[in-house]
């Protein structure tokens, strides 16, 4: 997939709004890239915001990838390439992130509201039922989707993400709640300054190495691999970003985990300071029959640092889903990483 700086730009000459019947807007993308990409398509959120999505093609079972907080679709590049044409792949951007437009009503940016955005992307793409793969904050969205629309979920793959109140365990249980109190008090002008400063700071000499030493970035993840993250961070809509951070902390899907009957693969990282591996273990233990892929050395950038292990586990999971449904794996049957029965 190509890289881009996030803006909501459309050509009036090539944009066609479907004023009747479908909420979708079709458009020809205006970004210059060095490789081919799917045409950018649009679903319309309940507040009228244009939500960007991409249908990468492929045959058979639809697999929809949901991004994390302050990220865009670049995190999925390795998995999209690994899956090839074996499944129908769809990616999308949260409101205020990547190519999706800034939320017209930031107050509607709750986890429930994002789940409704996901439903609208599925509707616009003509997908009735899909496997939902998610990273970080996106895990809360797809777990909430089980609450709202279980009949449309063929499987769940939460990767390196929480199922509730992420600030409670952020960095350290003694630190995260205090950070949330500060986050709640931040005013809009400060939010914008924080985003810009973070995007600039990430590219300063020595910062990448410091991020690796602190466990924020994986040891095997290069500075170049993190460049799209900082580009995305610089273009995020500040009110949308702040609203989503608050929404994540106000949400819990703990009460639905034991009701999940869809085949589930949970991916957890042993060095993840944003969504500690213990949360992944707990999630997998609470979801009946769930698999757990345990990556002992993975940080929150595990999708970039351990792409082969995650891709292998995902391919196996999807193969089983297409045949007889996922079964349990023992550690000896899965390498690299450990595939454990929850």
C-alpha atoms as a PDB file:
ATOM      1  CA  UNK A   1       0.000   0.000   0.000  1.00  0.00           C
ATOM      2  CA  UNK A   2       1.178   3.558  -0.631  1.00  0.00           C
ATOM      3  CA  UNK A   3       1.956   6.145   2.002  1.00  0.00           C
ATOM      4  CA  UNK A   4       0.101   9.423   2.280  1.00  0.00           C
ATOM      5  CA  UNK A   5      -0.375  12.435   4.427  1.00  0.00           C
ATOM      6  CA  UNK A   6      -3.880  12.527   5.753  1.00  0.00           C
ATOM      7  CA  UNK A   7      -6.290  15.035   4.341  1.00  0.00           C
ATOM      8  CA  UNK A   8      -9.872  14.863   3.205  1.00  0.00           C
ATOM      9  CA  UNK A   9      -9.570  16.002  -0.406  1.00  0.00           C
ATOM     10  CA  UNK A  10     -11.955  15.289  -3.233  1.00  0.00           C
ATOM     11  CA  UNK A  11     -12.159  16.514  -6.808  1.00  0.00           C
ATOM     12  CA  UNK A  12     -15.490  18.098  -7.685  1.00  0.00           C
ATOM     13  CA  UNK A  13     -14.990  16.895 -11.235  1.00  0.00           C
ATOM     14  CA  UNK A  14     -14.653  13.257 -10.233  1.00  0.00           C
ATOM     15  CA  UNK A  15     -16.889  13.054  -7.152  1.00  0.00           C
ATOM     16  CA  UNK A  16     -20.367  11.664  -7.562  1.00  0.00           C
ATOM     17  CA  UNK A  17     -22.722  11.686  -4.607  1.00  0.00           C
ATOM     18  CA  UNK A  18     -25.442   9.112  -4.535  1.00  0.00           C
ATOM     19  CA  UNK A  19     -28.246  11.291  -3.312  1.00  0.00           C
ATOM     20  CA  UNK A  20     -30.763   8.486  -3.183  1.00  0.00           C
ATOM     21  CA  UNK A  21     -30.605   4.966  -1.889  1.00  0.00           C
ATOM     22  CA  UNK A  22     -26.984   4.550  -0.769  1.00  0.00           C
ATOM     23  CA  UNK A  23     -25.041   6.804   1.619  1.00  0.00           C
ATOM     24  CA  UNK A  24     -21.826   6.009  -0.227  1.00  0.00           C
ATOM     25  CA  UNK A  25     -19.855   8.601  -2.171  1.00  0.00           C
ATOM     26  CA  UNK A  26     -17.601   7.377  -4.945  1.00  0.00           C
ATOM     27  CA  UNK A  27     -14.502   9.343  -5.827  1.00  0.00           C
ATOM     28  CA  UNK A  28     -11.254   9.135  -7.704  1.00  0.00           C
ATOM     29  CA  UNK A  29      -8.397   9.709  -5.264  1.00  0.00           C
ATOM     30  CA  UNK A  30      -6.200  12.781  -5.834  1.00  0.00           C
ATOM     31  CA  UNK A  31      -3.045  11.579  -4.084  1.00  0.00           C
ATOM     32  CA  UNK A  32       0.142  10.923  -6.002  1.00  0.00           C
ATOM     33  CA  UNK A  33       1.633   7.520  -5.156  1.00  0.00           C
ATOM     34  CA  UNK A  34       4.427   5.332  -6.414  1.00  0.00           C
ATOM     35  CA  UNK A  35       2.341   2.163  -6.611  1.00  0.00           C
ATOM     36  CA  UNK A  36      -1.181   1.193  -7.504  1.00  0.00           C
ATOM     37  CA  UNK A  37      -3.862   1.317  -4.846  1.00  0.00           C
ATOM     38  CA  UNK A  38      -7.580   0.671  -4.647  1.00  0.00           C
ATOM     39  CA  UNK A  39      -9.882   3.556  -5.406  1.00  0.00           C
ATOM     40  CA  UNK A  40     -10.822   5.495  -2.285  1.00  0.00           C
ATOM     41  CA  UNK A  41     -14.504   5.047  -1.519  1.00  0.00           C
ATOM     42  CA  UNK A  42     -16.677   6.689   1.071  1.00  0.00           C
ATOM     43  CA  UNK A  43     -19.288   5.729   3.618  1.00  0.00           C
ATOM     44  CA  UNK A  44     -21.236   8.419   5.454  1.00  0.00           C
ATOM     45  CA  UNK A  45     -21.257   8.456   9.250  1.00  0.00           C
ATOM     46  CA  UNK A  46     -24.375   9.322  11.226  1.00  0.00           C
ATOM     47  CA  UNK A  47     -23.092  12.882  11.711  1.00  0.00           C
ATOM     48  CA  UNK A  48     -22.567  13.317   7.956  1.00  0.00           C
ATOM     49  CA  UNK A  49     -18.789  12.830   8.004  1.00  0.00           C
ATOM     50  CA  UNK A  50     -17.206  11.103   4.988  1.00  0.00           C
ATOM     51  CA  UNK A  51     -15.423   7.929   6.117  1.00  0.00           C
ATOM     52  CA  UNK A  52     -12.763   6.608   3.719  1.00  0.00           C
ATOM     53  CA  UNK A  53     -12.443   2.921   2.950  1.00  0.00           C
ATOM     54  CA  UNK A  54     -10.634   0.720   0.431  1.00  0.00           C
ATOM     55  CA  UNK A  55     -11.695  -2.561  -1.129  1.00  0.00           C
ATOM     56  CA  UNK A  56      -8.464  -4.394  -1.976  1.00  0.00           C
ATOM     57  CA  UNK A  57     -10.221  -7.138  -3.864  1.00  0.00           C
ATOM     58  CA  UNK A  58      -9.644 -10.823  -3.411  1.00  0.00           C
ATOM     59  CA  UNK A  59     -12.150 -13.639  -3.405  1.00  0.00           C
ATOM     60  CA  UNK A  60     -14.277 -15.258  -0.773  1.00  0.00           C
ATOM     61  CA  UNK A  61     -14.495 -14.402   2.896  1.00  0.00           C
ATOM     62  CA  UNK A  62     -14.454 -10.628   3.604  1.00  0.00           C
ATOM     63  CA  UNK A  63     -11.856  -9.514   6.164  1.00  0.00           C
ATOM     64  CA  UNK A  64     -12.159  -5.950   7.470  1.00  0.00           C
ATOM     65  CA  UNK A  65      -9.219  -4.272   9.215  1.00  0.00           C
ATOM     66  CA  UNK A  66      -9.964  -1.595  11.836  1.00  0.00           C
ATOM     67  CA  UNK A  67      -7.179   0.811  12.821  1.00  0.00           C
ATOM     68  CA  UNK A  68      -6.004   1.874  16.230  1.00  0.00           C
ATOM     69  CA  UNK A  69      -6.023   5.282  17.876  1.00  0.00           C
ATOM     70  CA  UNK A  70      -3.857   7.870  16.098  1.00  0.00           C
ATOM     71  CA  UNK A  71      -2.985   5.460  13.278  1.00  0.00           C
ATOM     72  CA  UNK A  72      -4.022   4.771   9.712  1.00  0.00           C
ATOM     73  CA  UNK A  73      -4.041   1.800   7.353  1.00  0.00           C
ATOM     74  CA  UNK A  74      -0.240   1.557   6.905  1.00  0.00           C
ATOM     75  CA  UNK A  75      -0.107  -0.784   9.917  1.00  0.00           C
ATOM     76  CA  UNK A  76      -1.927  -3.390   7.833  1.00  0.00           C
ATOM     77  CA  UNK A  77       0.381  -3.339   4.795  1.00  0.00           C
ATOM     78  CA  UNK A  78       2.203  -6.537   5.713  1.00  0.00           C
ATOM     79  CA  UNK A  79      -0.955  -8.503   6.474  1.00  0.00           C
ATOM     80  CA  UNK A  80      -2.772  -7.264   3.373  1.00  0.00           C
ATOM     81  CA  UNK A  81       0.174  -8.364   1.230  1.00  0.00           C
ATOM     82  CA  UNK A  82       0.453 -11.702   3.040  1.00  0.00           C
ATOM     83  CA  UNK A  83      -3.216 -12.532   2.508  1.00  0.00           C
ATOM     84  CA  UNK A  84      -3.022 -11.721  -1.193  1.00  0.00           C
ATOM     85  CA  UNK A  85      -6.122 -12.736  -3.126  1.00  0.00           C
ATOM     86  CA  UNK A  86      -7.139 -15.481  -0.699  1.00  0.00           C
ATOM     87  CA  UNK A  87      -9.781 -13.302   0.975  1.00  0.00           C
ATOM     88  CA  UNK A  88     -11.570 -10.053   0.220  1.00  0.00           C
ATOM     89  CA  UNK A  89      -9.726  -7.351   2.179  1.00  0.00           C
ATOM     90  CA  UNK A  90     -11.241  -4.018   3.235  1.00  0.00           C
ATOM     91  CA  UNK A  91      -9.455  -1.280   5.189  1.00  0.00           C
ATOM     92  CA  UNK A  92     -10.852   2.016   6.482  1.00  0.00           C
ATOM     93  CA  UNK A  93      -9.906   5.126   8.451  1.00  0.00           C
ATOM     94  CA  UNK A  94     -11.531   6.353  11.643  1.00  0.00           C
ATOM     95  CA  UNK A  95     -13.130   9.773  11.488  1.00  0.00           C
ATOM     96  CA  UNK A  96     -10.510  12.504  11.809  1.00  0.00           C
ATOM     97  CA  UNK A  97      -7.717  10.073  10.891  1.00  0.00           C
ATOM     98  CA  UNK A  98      -5.924   9.314   7.617  1.00  0.00           C
ATOM     99  CA  UNK A  99      -8.109  10.197   4.643  1.00  0.00           C
ATOM    100  CA  UNK A 100     -11.400  10.239   6.516  1.00  0.00           C
ATOM    101  CA  UNK A 101     -12.737  13.715   7.161  1.00  0.00           C
ATOM    102  CA  UNK A 102     -12.790  15.426  10.540  1.00  0.00           C
ATOM    103  CA  UNK A 103     -15.847  14.482  12.561  1.00  0.00           C
ATOM    104  CA  UNK A 104     -18.628  16.996  12.050  1.00  0.00           C
ATOM    105  CA  UNK A 105     -19.807  16.182  15.557  1.00  0.00           C
ATOM    106  CA  UNK A 106     -16.856  15.147  17.763  1.00  0.00           C
ATOM    107  CA  UNK A 107     -19.284  14.318  20.569  1.00  0.00           C
ATOM    108  CA  UNK A 108     -20.540  11.425  18.431  1.00  0.00           C
ATOM    109  CA  UNK A 109     -17.058   9.875  18.414  1.00  0.00           C
ATOM    110  CA  UNK A 110     -17.759   7.218  20.998  1.00  0.00           C
ATOM    111  CA  UNK A 111     -16.811   3.560  20.711  1.00  0.00           C
ATOM    112  CA  UNK A 112     -20.444   2.901  19.883  1.00  0.00           C
ATOM    113  CA  UNK A 113     -20.331   5.637  17.237  1.00  0.00           C
ATOM    114  CA  UNK A 114     -17.188   4.153  15.675  1.00  0.00           C
ATOM    115  CA  UNK A 115     -18.885   0.758  15.622  1.00  0.00           C
ATOM    116  CA  UNK A 116     -21.739   2.328  13.703  1.00  0.00           C
ATOM    117  CA  UNK A 117     -19.147   3.751  11.287  1.00  0.00           C
ATOM    118  CA  UNK A 118     -17.843   0.205  10.787  1.00  0.00           C
ATOM    119  CA  UNK A 119     -21.360  -1.018  10.088  1.00  0.00           C
ATOM    120  CA  UNK A 120     -21.809   1.748   7.509  1.00  0.00           C
ATOM    121  CA  UNK A 121     -18.522   0.805   5.829  1.00  0.00           C
ATOM    122  CA  UNK A 122     -19.778  -2.776   5.606  1.00  0.00           C
ATOM    123  CA  UNK A 123     -23.064  -1.574   4.137  1.00  0.00           C
ATOM    124  CA  UNK A 124     -21.339   0.689   1.607  1.00  0.00           C
ATOM    125  CA  UNK A 125     -19.025  -2.142   0.548  1.00  0.00           C
ATOM    126  CA  UNK A 126     -21.911  -4.581   0.247  1.00  0.00           C
ATOM    127  CA  UNK A 127     -20.526  -6.862   2.963  1.00  0.00           C
ATOM    128  CA  UNK A 128     -23.127  -8.714   4.990  1.00  0.00           C
ATOM    129  CA  UNK A 129     -20.761 -10.733   7.187  1.00  0.00           C
ATOM    130  CA  UNK A 130     -17.013 -10.500   7.773  1.00  0.00           C
ATOM    131  CA  UNK A 131     -14.044 -11.393   9.919  1.00  0.00           C
ATOM    132  CA  UNK A 132     -13.153  -8.287  11.923  1.00  0.00           C
ATOM    133  CA  UNK A 133      -9.433  -7.744  12.519  1.00  0.00           C
ATOM    134  CA  UNK A 134      -8.432  -4.834  14.744  1.00  0.00           C
ATOM    135  CA  UNK A 135      -5.405  -3.177  16.308  1.00  0.00           C
ATOM    136  CA  UNK A 136      -5.190  -1.303  19.629  1.00  0.00           C
ATOM    137  CA  UNK A 137      -8.263   0.942  20.145  1.00  0.00           C
ATOM    138  CA  UNK A 138      -9.835  -0.806  17.173  1.00  0.00           C
ATOM    139  CA  UNK A 139     -10.172  -3.894  19.382  1.00  0.00           C
ATOM    140  CA  UNK A 140     -12.731  -2.053  21.495  1.00  0.00           C
ATOM    141  CA  UNK A 141     -14.639  -1.206  18.315  1.00  0.00           C
ATOM    142  CA  UNK A 142     -14.858  -4.777  17.034  1.00  0.00           C
ATOM    143  CA  UNK A 143     -15.757  -6.132  20.475  1.00  0.00           C
ATOM    144  CA  UNK A 144     -18.513  -3.537  20.680  1.00  0.00           C
ATOM    145  CA  UNK A 145     -19.574  -4.723  17.232  1.00  0.00           C
ATOM    146  CA  UNK A 146     -20.245  -8.120  18.774  1.00  0.00           C
ATOM    147  CA  UNK A 147     -22.658  -6.407  21.132  1.00  0.00           C
ATOM    148  CA  UNK A 148     -24.383  -4.421  18.377  1.00  0.00           C
ATOM    149  CA  UNK A 149     -24.352  -6.770  15.369  1.00  0.00           C
ATOM    150  CA  UNK A 150     -23.160 -10.305  16.199  1.00  0.00           C
ATOM    151  CA  UNK A 151     -25.002 -11.730  13.205  1.00  0.00           C
ATOM    152  CA  UNK A 152     -22.608  -9.855  10.899  1.00  0.00           C
ATOM    153  CA  UNK A 153     -19.418 -11.216  12.454  1.00  0.00           C
ATOM    154  CA  UNK A 154     -17.806 -14.391  11.104  1.00  0.00           C
ATOM    155  CA  UNK A 155     -14.755 -14.094  13.333  1.00  0.00           C
ATOM    156  CA  UNK A 156     -12.759 -11.725  15.545  1.00  0.00           C
ATOM    157  CA  UNK A 157      -9.011 -11.025  15.615  1.00  0.00           C
ATOM    158  CA  UNK A 158      -8.107  -8.391  18.251  1.00  0.00           C
ATOM    159  CA  UNK A 159      -4.402  -7.543  17.992  1.00  0.00           C
ATOM    160  CA  UNK A 160      -2.412  -5.804  20.742  1.00  0.00           C
ATOM    161  CA  UNK A 161      -5.445  -4.030  22.115  1.00  0.00           C
ATOM    162  CA  UNK A 162      -7.617  -3.628  25.204  1.00  0.00           C
ATOM    163  CA  UNK A 163     -11.205  -4.603  25.842  1.00  0.00           C
ATOM    164  CA  UNK A 164     -11.849  -1.728  28.240  1.00  0.00           C
ATOM    165  CA  UNK A 165     -10.536   1.504  29.808  1.00  0.00           C
ATOM    166  CA  UNK A 166      -7.019   1.604  28.277  1.00  0.00           C
ATOM    167  CA  UNK A 167      -5.734   4.385  30.543  1.00  0.00           C
ATOM    168  CA  UNK A 168      -6.170   2.093  33.564  1.00  0.00           C
ATOM    169  CA  UNK A 169      -3.182   0.023  32.445  1.00  0.00           C
ATOM    170  CA  UNK A 170      -1.321   2.513  30.224  1.00  0.00           C
ATOM    171  CA  UNK A 171       2.430   2.328  30.981  1.00  0.00           C
ATOM    172  CA  UNK A 172       1.684   1.339  34.598  1.00  0.00           C
ATOM    173  CA  UNK A 173      -1.533   1.138  36.676  1.00  0.00           C
ATOM    174  CA  UNK A 174      -0.038   3.806  38.935  1.00  0.00           C
ATOM    175  CA  UNK A 175       0.586   6.127  35.983  1.00  0.00           C
ATOM    176  CA  UNK A 176      -2.230   5.664  33.457  1.00  0.00           C
ATOM    177  CA  UNK A 177      -5.159   6.991  35.544  1.00  0.00           C
ATOM    178  CA  UNK A 178      -3.194  10.141  36.320  1.00  0.00           C
ATOM    179  CA  UNK A 179      -2.437  10.635  32.640  1.00  0.00           C
ATOM    180  CA  UNK A 180      -6.144  10.336  31.899  1.00  0.00           C
ATOM    181  CA  UNK A 181      -6.973  13.078  34.409  1.00  0.00           C
ATOM    182  CA  UNK A 182      -4.528  15.352  32.616  1.00  0.00           C
ATOM    183  CA  UNK A 183      -5.871  14.306  29.212  1.00  0.00           C
ATOM    184  CA  UNK A 184      -9.431  15.203  30.220  1.00  0.00           C
ATOM    185  CA  UNK A 185      -8.360  18.731  31.150  1.00  0.00           C
ATOM    186  CA  UNK A 186      -6.539  19.456  27.904  1.00  0.00           C
ATOM    187  CA  UNK A 187      -8.186  22.239  25.897  1.00  0.00           C
ATOM    188  CA  UNK A 188      -8.483  22.186  22.068  1.00  0.00           C
ATOM    189  CA  UNK A 189      -5.579  24.559  21.316  1.00  0.00           C
ATOM    190  CA  UNK A 190      -3.308  22.459  23.518  1.00  0.00           C
ATOM    191  CA  UNK A 191      -4.475  19.257  21.816  1.00  0.00           C
ATOM    192  CA  UNK A 192      -3.413  20.622  18.431  1.00  0.00           C
ATOM    193  CA  UNK A 193      -0.043  21.673  19.835  1.00  0.00           C
ATOM    194  CA  UNK A 194       0.492  18.235  21.387  1.00  0.00           C
ATOM    195  CA  UNK A 195      -0.175  16.465  18.096  1.00  0.00           C
ATOM    196  CA  UNK A 196       2.147  18.711  16.095  1.00  0.00           C
ATOM    197  CA  UNK A 197       4.887  18.559  18.734  1.00  0.00           C
ATOM    198  CA  UNK A 198       4.673  14.766  18.980  1.00  0.00           C
ATOM    199  CA  UNK A 199       4.894  14.405  15.208  1.00  0.00           C
ATOM    200  CA  UNK A 200       7.999  16.613  15.090  1.00  0.00           C
ATOM    201  CA  UNK A 201       9.636  15.080  18.158  1.00  0.00           C
ATOM    202  CA  UNK A 202       9.380  11.594  16.733  1.00  0.00           C
ATOM    203  CA  UNK A 203      11.810  12.488  13.969  1.00  0.00           C
ATOM    204  CA  UNK A 204      14.476  14.104  16.141  1.00  0.00           C
ATOM    205  CA  UNK A 205      17.866  12.362  16.362  1.00  0.00           C
ATOM    206  CA  UNK A 206      17.979   9.841  19.163  1.00  0.00           C
ATOM    207  CA  UNK A 207      14.237   9.771  19.814  1.00  0.00           C
ATOM    208  CA  UNK A 208      13.679   6.512  17.959  1.00  0.00           C
ATOM    209  CA  UNK A 209      16.389   4.766  19.967  1.00  0.00           C
ATOM    210  CA  UNK A 210      14.914   6.151  23.193  1.00  0.00           C
ATOM    211  CA  UNK A 211      11.497   4.840  22.159  1.00  0.00           C
ATOM    212  CA  UNK A 212      13.020   1.410  21.629  1.00  0.00           C
ATOM    213  CA  UNK A 213      14.792   1.410  24.985  1.00  0.00           C
ATOM    214  CA  UNK A 214      11.585   2.421  26.774  1.00  0.00           C
ATOM    215  CA  UNK A 215       9.576  -0.333  25.108  1.00  0.00           C
ATOM    216  CA  UNK A 216       7.343   2.017  23.133  1.00  0.00           C
ATOM    217  CA  UNK A 217       8.801   0.826  19.814  1.00  0.00           C
ATOM    218  CA  UNK A 218      10.048  -2.694  19.134  1.00  0.00           C
ATOM    219  CA  UNK A 219      13.773  -3.315  18.843  1.00  0.00           C
ATOM    220  CA  UNK A 220      13.397  -4.665  15.327  1.00  0.00           C
ATOM    221  CA  UNK A 221      11.304  -1.734  14.077  1.00  0.00           C
ATOM    222  CA  UNK A 222      13.307   0.816  12.071  1.00  0.00           C
ATOM    223  CA  UNK A 223      12.907   4.573  12.214  1.00  0.00           C
ATOM    224  CA  UNK A 224      11.803   4.485   8.573  1.00  0.00           C
ATOM    225  CA  UNK A 225       9.000   2.064   9.439  1.00  0.00           C
ATOM    226  CA  UNK A 226       7.682   4.582  11.982  1.00  0.00           C
ATOM    227  CA  UNK A 227       7.661   7.510   9.531  1.00  0.00           C
ATOM    228  CA  UNK A 228       4.040   6.918   8.384  1.00  0.00           C
ATOM    229  CA  UNK A 229       2.934   7.031  12.027  1.00  0.00           C
ATOM    230  CA  UNK A 230       4.392  10.499  12.533  1.00  0.00           C
ATOM    231  CA  UNK A 231       2.978  11.667   9.200  1.00  0.00           C
ATOM    232  CA  UNK A 232      -0.463  10.464  10.251  1.00  0.00           C
ATOM    233  CA  UNK A 233      -0.097  12.025  13.695  1.00  0.00           C
ATOM    234  CA  UNK A 234       0.650  15.410  12.137  1.00  0.00           C
ATOM    235  CA  UNK A 235      -2.562  15.317  10.105  1.00  0.00           C
ATOM    236  CA  UNK A 236      -5.064  14.039  12.681  1.00  0.00           C
ATOM    237  CA  UNK A 237      -8.004  16.301  13.448  1.00  0.00           C
ATOM    238  CA  UNK A 238      -7.357  17.449  17.066  1.00  0.00           C
ATOM    239  CA  UNK A 239     -10.996  17.470  18.293  1.00  0.00           C
ATOM    240  CA  UNK A 240     -11.539  13.992  16.831  1.00  0.00           C
ATOM    241  CA  UNK A 241      -8.356  12.694  18.458  1.00  0.00           C
ATOM    242  CA  UNK A 242      -9.278  14.078  21.864  1.00  0.00           C
ATOM    243  CA  UNK A 243     -12.847  12.785  21.667  1.00  0.00           C
ATOM    244  CA  UNK A 244     -11.681   9.274  20.801  1.00  0.00           C
ATOM    245  CA  UNK A 245      -9.201   9.222  23.680  1.00  0.00           C
ATOM    246  CA  UNK A 246     -11.964  10.107  26.126  1.00  0.00           C
ATOM    247  CA  UNK A 247     -14.351   7.618  24.529  1.00  0.00           C
ATOM    248  CA  UNK A 248     -11.891   4.743  24.848  1.00  0.00           C
ATOM    249  CA  UNK A 249     -11.557   5.265  28.597  1.00  0.00           C
ATOM    250  CA  UNK A 250     -15.320   5.415  29.073  1.00  0.00           C
ATOM    251  CA  UNK A 251     -15.911   2.093  27.311  1.00  0.00           C
ATOM    252  CA  UNK A 252     -15.824  -1.519  28.441  1.00  0.00           C
ATOM    253  CA  UNK A 253     -16.610  -4.707  26.548  1.00  0.00           C
ATOM    254  CA  UNK A 254     -15.824  -6.980  29.490  1.00  0.00           C
ATOM    255  CA  UNK A 255     -19.483  -7.895  29.865  1.00  0.00           C
ATOM    256  CA  UNK A 256     -19.735  -9.283  26.314  1.00  0.00           C
ATOM    257  CA  UNK A 257     -16.557 -11.376  26.179  1.00  0.00           C
ATOM    258  CA  UNK A 258     -18.109 -14.549  27.584  1.00  0.00           C
ATOM    259  CA  UNK A 259     -20.978 -14.278  25.091  1.00  0.00           C
ATOM    260  CA  UNK A 260     -18.723 -14.292  22.018  1.00  0.00           C
ATOM    261  CA  UNK A 261     -19.352 -17.395  19.943  1.00  0.00           C
ATOM    262  CA  UNK A 262     -17.474 -16.286  16.821  1.00  0.00           C
ATOM    263  CA  UNK A 263     -14.072 -17.973  16.335  1.00  0.00           C
ATOM    264  CA  UNK A 264     -11.525 -15.637  17.907  1.00  0.00           C
ATOM    265  CA  UNK A 265      -7.761 -15.190  17.654  1.00  0.00           C
ATOM    266  CA  UNK A 266      -6.218 -12.821  20.224  1.00  0.00           C
ATOM    267  CA  UNK A 267      -2.695 -11.463  19.662  1.00  0.00           C
ATOM    268  CA  UNK A 268      -0.814 -10.158  22.709  1.00  0.00           C
ATOM    269  CA  UNK A 269       2.695  -8.790  23.237  1.00  0.00           C
ATOM    270  CA  UNK A 270       4.876  -9.448  26.253  1.00  0.00           C
ATOM    271  CA  UNK A 271       6.543  -6.007  26.074  1.00  0.00           C
ATOM    272  CA  UNK A 272       3.494  -3.922  25.162  1.00  0.00           C
ATOM    273  CA  UNK A 273       3.267  -0.920  27.523  1.00  0.00           C
ATOM    274  CA  UNK A 274       0.137   0.519  25.891  1.00  0.00           C
ATOM    275  CA  UNK A 275      -1.971  -2.625  26.013  1.00  0.00           C
ATOM    276  CA  UNK A 276      -0.137  -5.021  28.339  1.00  0.00           C
ATOM    277  CA  UNK A 277       0.048  -8.663  27.357  1.00  0.00           C
ATOM    278  CA  UNK A 278      -1.809  -9.651  30.518  1.00  0.00           C
ATOM    279  CA  UNK A 279      -4.911  -8.006  29.049  1.00  0.00           C
ATOM    280  CA  UNK A 280      -4.640 -10.152  25.941  1.00  0.00           C
ATOM    281  CA  UNK A 281      -4.307 -13.270  28.062  1.00  0.00           C
ATOM    282  CA  UNK A 282      -7.348 -12.271  30.097  1.00  0.00           C
ATOM    283  CA  UNK A 283      -9.365 -11.494  26.974  1.00  0.00           C
ATOM    284  CA  UNK A 284      -8.535 -14.856  25.428  1.00  0.00           C
ATOM    285  CA  UNK A 285      -9.380 -16.640  28.679  1.00  0.00           C
ATOM    286  CA  UNK A 286     -12.794 -14.969  28.871  1.00  0.00           C
ATOM    287  CA  UNK A 287     -13.796 -15.623  25.242  1.00  0.00           C
ATOM    288  CA  UNK A 288     -14.960 -19.240  24.867  1.00  0.00           C
ATOM    289  CA  UNK A 289     -12.618 -21.282  22.672  1.00  0.00           C
ATOM    290  CA  UNK A 290     -10.372 -18.341  21.779  1.00  0.00           C
ATOM    291  CA  UNK A 291      -6.833 -18.824  20.520  1.00  0.00           C
ATOM    292  CA  UNK A 292      -4.006 -16.743  21.900  1.00  0.00           C
ATOM    293  CA  UNK A 293      -0.923 -15.851  19.879  1.00  0.00           C
ATOM    294  CA  UNK A 294       1.652 -14.813  22.484  1.00  0.00           C
ATOM    295  CA  UNK A 295       4.581 -12.746  21.176  1.00  0.00           C
ATOM    296  CA  UNK A 296       6.924 -12.458  24.139  1.00  0.00           C
ATOM    297  CA  UNK A 297       9.097  -9.702  22.637  1.00  0.00           C
ATOM    298  CA  UNK A 298       6.362  -7.681  20.930  1.00  0.00           C
ATOM    299  CA  UNK A 299       5.690  -4.082  21.920  1.00  0.00           C
ATOM    300  CA  UNK A 300       2.695  -2.066  20.748  1.00  0.00           C
ATOM    301  CA  UNK A 301       4.421  -1.884  17.360  1.00  0.00           C
ATOM    302  CA  UNK A 302       4.197  -5.661  17.024  1.00  0.00           C
ATOM    303  CA  UNK A 303       2.467  -5.432  13.646  1.00  0.00           C
ATOM    304  CA  UNK A 304       5.655  -3.841  12.317  1.00  0.00           C
ATOM    305  CA  UNK A 305       8.118  -5.857  14.378  1.00  0.00           C
ATOM    306  CA  UNK A 306       6.557  -9.335  14.111  1.00  0.00           C
ATOM    307  CA  UNK A 307       4.664  -9.316  10.788  1.00  0.00           C
ATOM    308  CA  UNK A 308       5.569 -12.875   9.790  1.00  0.00           C
ATOM    309  CA  UNK A 309       4.376 -14.465  13.034  1.00  0.00           C
ATOM    310  CA  UNK A 310       1.093 -12.563  12.970  1.00  0.00           C
ATOM    311  CA  UNK A 311       0.548 -13.251   9.261  1.00  0.00           C
ATOM    312  CA  UNK A 312       1.196 -16.972   9.756  1.00  0.00           C
ATOM    313  CA  UNK A 313      -1.269 -17.155  12.651  1.00  0.00           C
ATOM    314  CA  UNK A 314      -3.887 -15.175  10.728  1.00  0.00           C
ATOM    315  CA  UNK A 315      -3.566 -17.354   7.625  1.00  0.00           C
ATOM    316  CA  UNK A 316      -3.927 -20.514   9.726  1.00  0.00           C
ATOM    317  CA  UNK A 317      -6.947 -19.047  11.513  1.00  0.00           C
ATOM    318  CA  UNK A 318      -8.630 -18.081   8.233  1.00  0.00           C
ATOM    319  CA  UNK A 319      -7.852 -21.444   6.631  1.00  0.00           C
ATOM    320  CA  UNK A 320      -9.467 -23.210   9.575  1.00  0.00           C
ATOM    321  CA  UNK A 321     -12.417 -20.842   9.476  1.00  0.00           C
ATOM    322  CA  UNK A 322     -13.000 -21.643   5.813  1.00  0.00           C
ATOM    323  CA  UNK A 323     -12.823 -25.374   6.449  1.00  0.00           C
ATOM    324  CA  UNK A 324     -14.034 -26.754   9.749  1.00  0.00           C
ATOM    325  CA  UNK A 325     -13.575 -23.746  12.013  1.00  0.00           C
ATOM    326  CA  UNK A 326     -10.601 -22.872  14.227  1.00  0.00           C
ATOM    327  CA  UNK A 327      -9.359 -25.527  16.584  1.00  0.00           C
ATOM    328  CA  UNK A 328      -6.926 -25.232  19.456  1.00  0.00           C
ATOM    329  CA  UNK A 329      -3.197 -25.158  18.808  1.00  0.00           C
ATOM    330  CA  UNK A 330      -0.386 -26.166  21.093  1.00  0.00           C
ATOM    331  CA  UNK A 331       2.862 -24.179  21.369  1.00  0.00           C
ATOM    332  CA  UNK A 332       4.739 -26.880  19.423  1.00  0.00           C
ATOM    333  CA  UNK A 333       2.418 -26.468  16.439  1.00  0.00           C
ATOM    334  CA  UNK A 334       3.009 -22.774  15.892  1.00  0.00           C
ATOM    335  CA  UNK A 335       6.298 -21.007  15.223  1.00  0.00           C
ATOM    336  CA  UNK A 336       7.457 -18.246  15.483  1.00  0.00           C
ATOM    337  CA  UNK A 337       5.587 -16.984  18.506  1.00  0.00           C
ATOM    338  CA  UNK A 338       3.533 -19.209  20.735  1.00  0.00           C
ATOM    339  CA  UNK A 339      -0.004 -20.201  19.811  1.00  0.00           C
ATOM    340  CA  UNK A 340      -1.596 -21.177  23.069  1.00  0.00           C
ATOM    341  CA  UNK A 341      -5.020 -22.466  24.015  1.00  0.00           C
ATOM    342  CA  UNK A 342      -6.550 -19.745  26.170  1.00  0.00           C
END
